[in-house]
Amino acid sequence: MFKSNVGGIDRILRIVIGAALIAGFFLNREGAWSWLYLLGIIPLVTGLLGTCPLYSLLGIKTCPMHRG
């Protein structure tokens, strides 16, 4: 479906940061700006899928080239 443009370390960092932000939302729901933690959904999903639409627009690719 989508071409992979997110490499291994980038994927891991996106998943960890996304999960941490979402956890922050559930740990700090009473804060006035706590809804901003839900932005962690973006790096989490792009890390799990291995593709980033912004990287596609900018022509960035952090994954190694596949030879075949």
N, C-alpha and C. Protein backbone atom coordinates (compact mmCIF):
# COMPACT_ATOMS: atom_id res chain seq x y z
N MET A 1 0.83 -1.18 0.00
CA MET A 1 0.00 0.00 0.00
C MET A 1 0.88 1.26 0.00
N PHE A 2 1.63 1.48 1.08
CA PHE A 2 2.52 2.63 1.17
C PHE A 2 3.95 2.14 1.06
N LYS A 3 4.82 2.95 0.46
CA LYS A 3 6.23 2.61 0.43
C LYS A 3 6.86 2.92 1.78
N SER A 4 7.70 2.02 2.24
CA SER A 4 8.36 2.21 3.52
C SER A 4 9.44 3.28 3.36
N ASN A 5 9.39 4.30 4.20
CA ASN A 5 10.41 5.35 4.16
C ASN A 5 10.94 5.68 5.55
N VAL A 6 10.63 4.83 6.54
CA VAL A 6 11.08 5.04 7.91
C VAL A 6 11.96 3.85 8.30
N GLY A 7 13.21 4.13 8.67
CA GLY A 7 14.16 3.08 9.01
C GLY A 7 13.97 2.52 10.41
N GLY A 8 14.82 1.56 10.77
CA GLY A 8 14.70 0.82 12.02
C GLY A 8 14.75 1.67 13.27
N ILE A 9 15.81 2.45 13.44
CA ILE A 9 15.96 3.27 14.64
C ILE A 9 14.87 4.33 14.68
N ASP A 10 14.57 4.91 13.54
CA ASP A 10 13.51 5.92 13.44
C ASP A 10 12.17 5.33 13.85
N ARG A 11 11.89 4.11 13.41
CA ARG A 11 10.63 3.44 13.77
C ARG A 11 10.54 3.21 15.27
N ILE A 12 11.62 2.71 15.85
CA ILE A 12 11.63 2.43 17.28
C ILE A 12 11.41 3.70 18.09
N LEU A 13 12.11 4.78 17.70
CA LEU A 13 11.94 6.05 18.41
C LEU A 13 10.52 6.58 18.29
N ARG A 14 9.93 6.46 17.11
CA ARG A 14 8.56 6.93 16.91
C ARG A 14 7.58 6.14 17.78
N ILE A 15 7.76 4.84 17.84
CA ILE A 15 6.86 4.00 18.64
C ILE A 15 7.00 4.33 20.13
N VAL A 16 8.23 4.46 20.61
CA VAL A 16 8.47 4.74 22.02
C VAL A 16 7.93 6.13 22.39
N ILE A 17 8.22 7.14 21.57
CA ILE A 17 7.76 8.50 21.86
C ILE A 17 6.24 8.58 21.78
N GLY A 18 5.66 7.95 20.77
CA GLY A 18 4.20 7.95 20.64
C GLY A 18 3.53 7.28 21.82
N ALA A 19 4.04 6.12 22.23
CA ALA A 19 3.47 5.41 23.37
C ALA A 19 3.63 6.22 24.66
N ALA A 20 4.77 6.88 24.82
CA ALA A 20 5.01 7.70 26.02
C ALA A 20 4.04 8.88 26.07
N LEU A 21 3.80 9.52 24.94
CA LEU A 21 2.87 10.64 24.92
C LEU A 21 1.44 10.20 25.23
N ILE A 22 1.04 9.07 24.69
CA ILE A 22 -0.30 8.56 24.96
C ILE A 22 -0.43 8.17 26.44
N ALA A 23 0.62 7.56 26.98
CA ALA A 23 0.61 7.23 28.41
C ALA A 23 0.52 8.50 29.25
N GLY A 24 1.22 9.55 28.82
CA GLY A 24 1.15 10.83 29.52
C GLY A 24 -0.25 11.38 29.55
N PHE A 25 -1.01 11.17 28.49
CA PHE A 25 -2.40 11.63 28.46
C PHE A 25 -3.21 10.93 29.54
N PHE A 26 -3.04 9.62 29.66
CA PHE A 26 -3.83 8.88 30.64
C PHE A 26 -3.37 9.14 32.07
N LEU A 27 -2.12 9.54 32.25
CA LEU A 27 -1.62 9.83 33.59
C LEU A 27 -1.92 11.26 34.03
N ASN A 28 -2.21 12.15 33.07
CA ASN A 28 -2.41 13.56 33.39
C ASN A 28 -3.64 14.09 32.66
N ARG A 29 -4.77 13.51 32.90
CA ARG A 29 -6.00 13.91 32.21
C ARG A 29 -6.54 15.25 32.67
N GLU A 30 -6.24 15.67 33.89
CA GLU A 30 -6.83 16.89 34.44
C GLU A 30 -6.16 18.16 33.93
N GLY A 31 -5.00 18.05 33.32
CA GLY A 31 -4.30 19.23 32.85
C GLY A 31 -5.05 19.96 31.75
N ALA A 32 -4.88 21.28 31.69
CA ALA A 32 -5.59 22.09 30.70
C ALA A 32 -5.18 21.73 29.28
N TRP A 33 -3.95 21.37 29.09
CA TRP A 33 -3.43 21.07 27.76
C TRP A 33 -3.15 19.58 27.57
N SER A 34 -3.75 18.74 28.38
CA SER A 34 -3.45 17.31 28.34
C SER A 34 -3.85 16.67 27.01
N TRP A 35 -4.79 17.27 26.30
CA TRP A 35 -5.20 16.71 25.01
C TRP A 35 -4.05 16.72 24.01
N LEU A 36 -3.03 17.56 24.22
CA LEU A 36 -1.89 17.59 23.31
C LEU A 36 -1.10 16.28 23.33
N TYR A 37 -1.20 15.55 24.43
CA TYR A 37 -0.54 14.25 24.51
C TYR A 37 -1.08 13.30 23.44
N LEU A 38 -2.31 13.50 23.02
CA LEU A 38 -2.90 12.62 22.01
C LEU A 38 -2.23 12.77 20.65
N LEU A 39 -1.42 13.80 20.48
CA LEU A 39 -0.64 13.92 19.25
C LEU A 39 0.36 12.78 19.13
N GLY A 40 0.57 12.05 20.21
CA GLY A 40 1.44 10.87 20.18
C GLY A 40 0.90 9.78 19.28
N ILE A 41 -0.36 9.88 18.89
CA ILE A 41 -0.93 8.91 17.96
C ILE A 41 -0.21 8.97 16.62
N ILE A 42 0.21 10.16 16.21
CA ILE A 42 0.86 10.33 14.90
C ILE A 42 2.18 9.57 14.83
N PRO A 43 3.14 9.81 15.75
CA PRO A 43 4.38 9.04 15.64
C PRO A 43 4.17 7.55 15.88
N LEU A 44 3.21 7.20 16.73
CA LEU A 44 2.95 5.79 16.98
C LEU A 44 2.48 5.08 15.71
N VAL A 45 1.54 5.66 15.02
CA VAL A 45 1.00 5.05 13.80
C VAL A 45 2.05 5.03 12.69
N THR A 46 2.78 6.12 12.51
CA THR A 46 3.79 6.13 11.45
C THR A 46 4.92 5.15 11.76
N GLY A 47 5.22 4.97 13.04
CA GLY A 47 6.24 3.98 13.41
C GLY A 47 5.76 2.57 13.17
N LEU A 48 4.52 2.29 13.49
CA LEU A 48 3.99 0.95 13.29
C LEU A 48 3.83 0.61 11.80
N LEU A 49 3.43 1.60 11.02
CA LEU A 49 3.24 1.36 9.58
C LEU A 49 4.56 1.41 8.80
N GLY A 50 5.55 2.11 9.34
CA GLY A 50 6.84 2.21 8.65
C GLY A 50 6.83 3.22 7.52
N THR A 51 5.85 4.08 7.49
CA THR A 51 5.78 5.10 6.45
C THR A 51 5.33 6.42 7.06
N CYS A 52 5.88 7.51 6.56
CA CYS A 52 5.55 8.84 7.06
C CYS A 52 5.17 9.72 5.87
N PRO A 53 3.94 10.22 5.85
CA PRO A 53 3.52 11.08 4.73
C PRO A 53 4.37 12.34 4.59
N LEU A 54 4.79 12.92 5.70
CA LEU A 54 5.63 14.12 5.62
C LEU A 54 6.97 13.80 4.99
N TYR A 55 7.56 12.64 5.33
CA TYR A 55 8.80 12.22 4.70
C TYR A 55 8.61 12.06 3.20
N SER A 56 7.46 11.53 2.78
CA SER A 56 7.19 11.36 1.36
C SER A 56 7.13 12.71 0.64
N LEU A 57 6.49 13.69 1.27
CA LEU A 57 6.40 15.02 0.67
C LEU A 57 7.76 15.69 0.54
N LEU A 58 8.61 15.48 1.56
CA LEU A 58 9.92 16.11 1.57
C LEU A 58 11.00 15.29 0.88
N GLY A 59 10.68 14.06 0.49
CA GLY A 59 11.65 13.20 -0.18
C GLY A 59 12.69 12.60 0.75
N ILE A 60 12.36 12.47 2.01
CA ILE A 60 13.28 11.92 3.01
C ILE A 60 13.03 10.41 3.13
N LYS A 61 14.10 9.65 3.28
CA LYS A 61 13.98 8.20 3.44
C LYS A 61 15.06 7.75 4.42
N THR A 62 14.66 7.21 5.58
CA THR A 62 15.64 6.78 6.57
C THR A 62 15.82 5.26 6.58
N CYS A 63 15.07 4.55 5.74
CA CYS A 63 15.24 3.10 5.71
C CYS A 63 16.32 2.74 4.69
N PRO A 64 17.01 1.63 4.92
CA PRO A 64 18.05 1.21 3.97
C PRO A 64 17.43 0.78 2.65
N MET A 65 18.19 0.95 1.60
CA MET A 65 17.70 0.57 0.27
C MET A 65 17.66 -0.94 0.13
N HIS A 66 16.59 -1.45 -0.45
CA HIS A 66 16.45 -2.89 -0.68
C HIS A 66 17.01 -3.21 -2.05
N ARG A 67 17.86 -4.21 -2.11
CA ARG A 67 18.41 -4.66 -3.38
C ARG A 67 17.75 -5.96 -3.76
N GLY A 68 17.39 -6.06 -4.99
CA GLY A 68 16.72 -7.29 -5.35
C GLY A 68 16.49 -7.47 -6.75
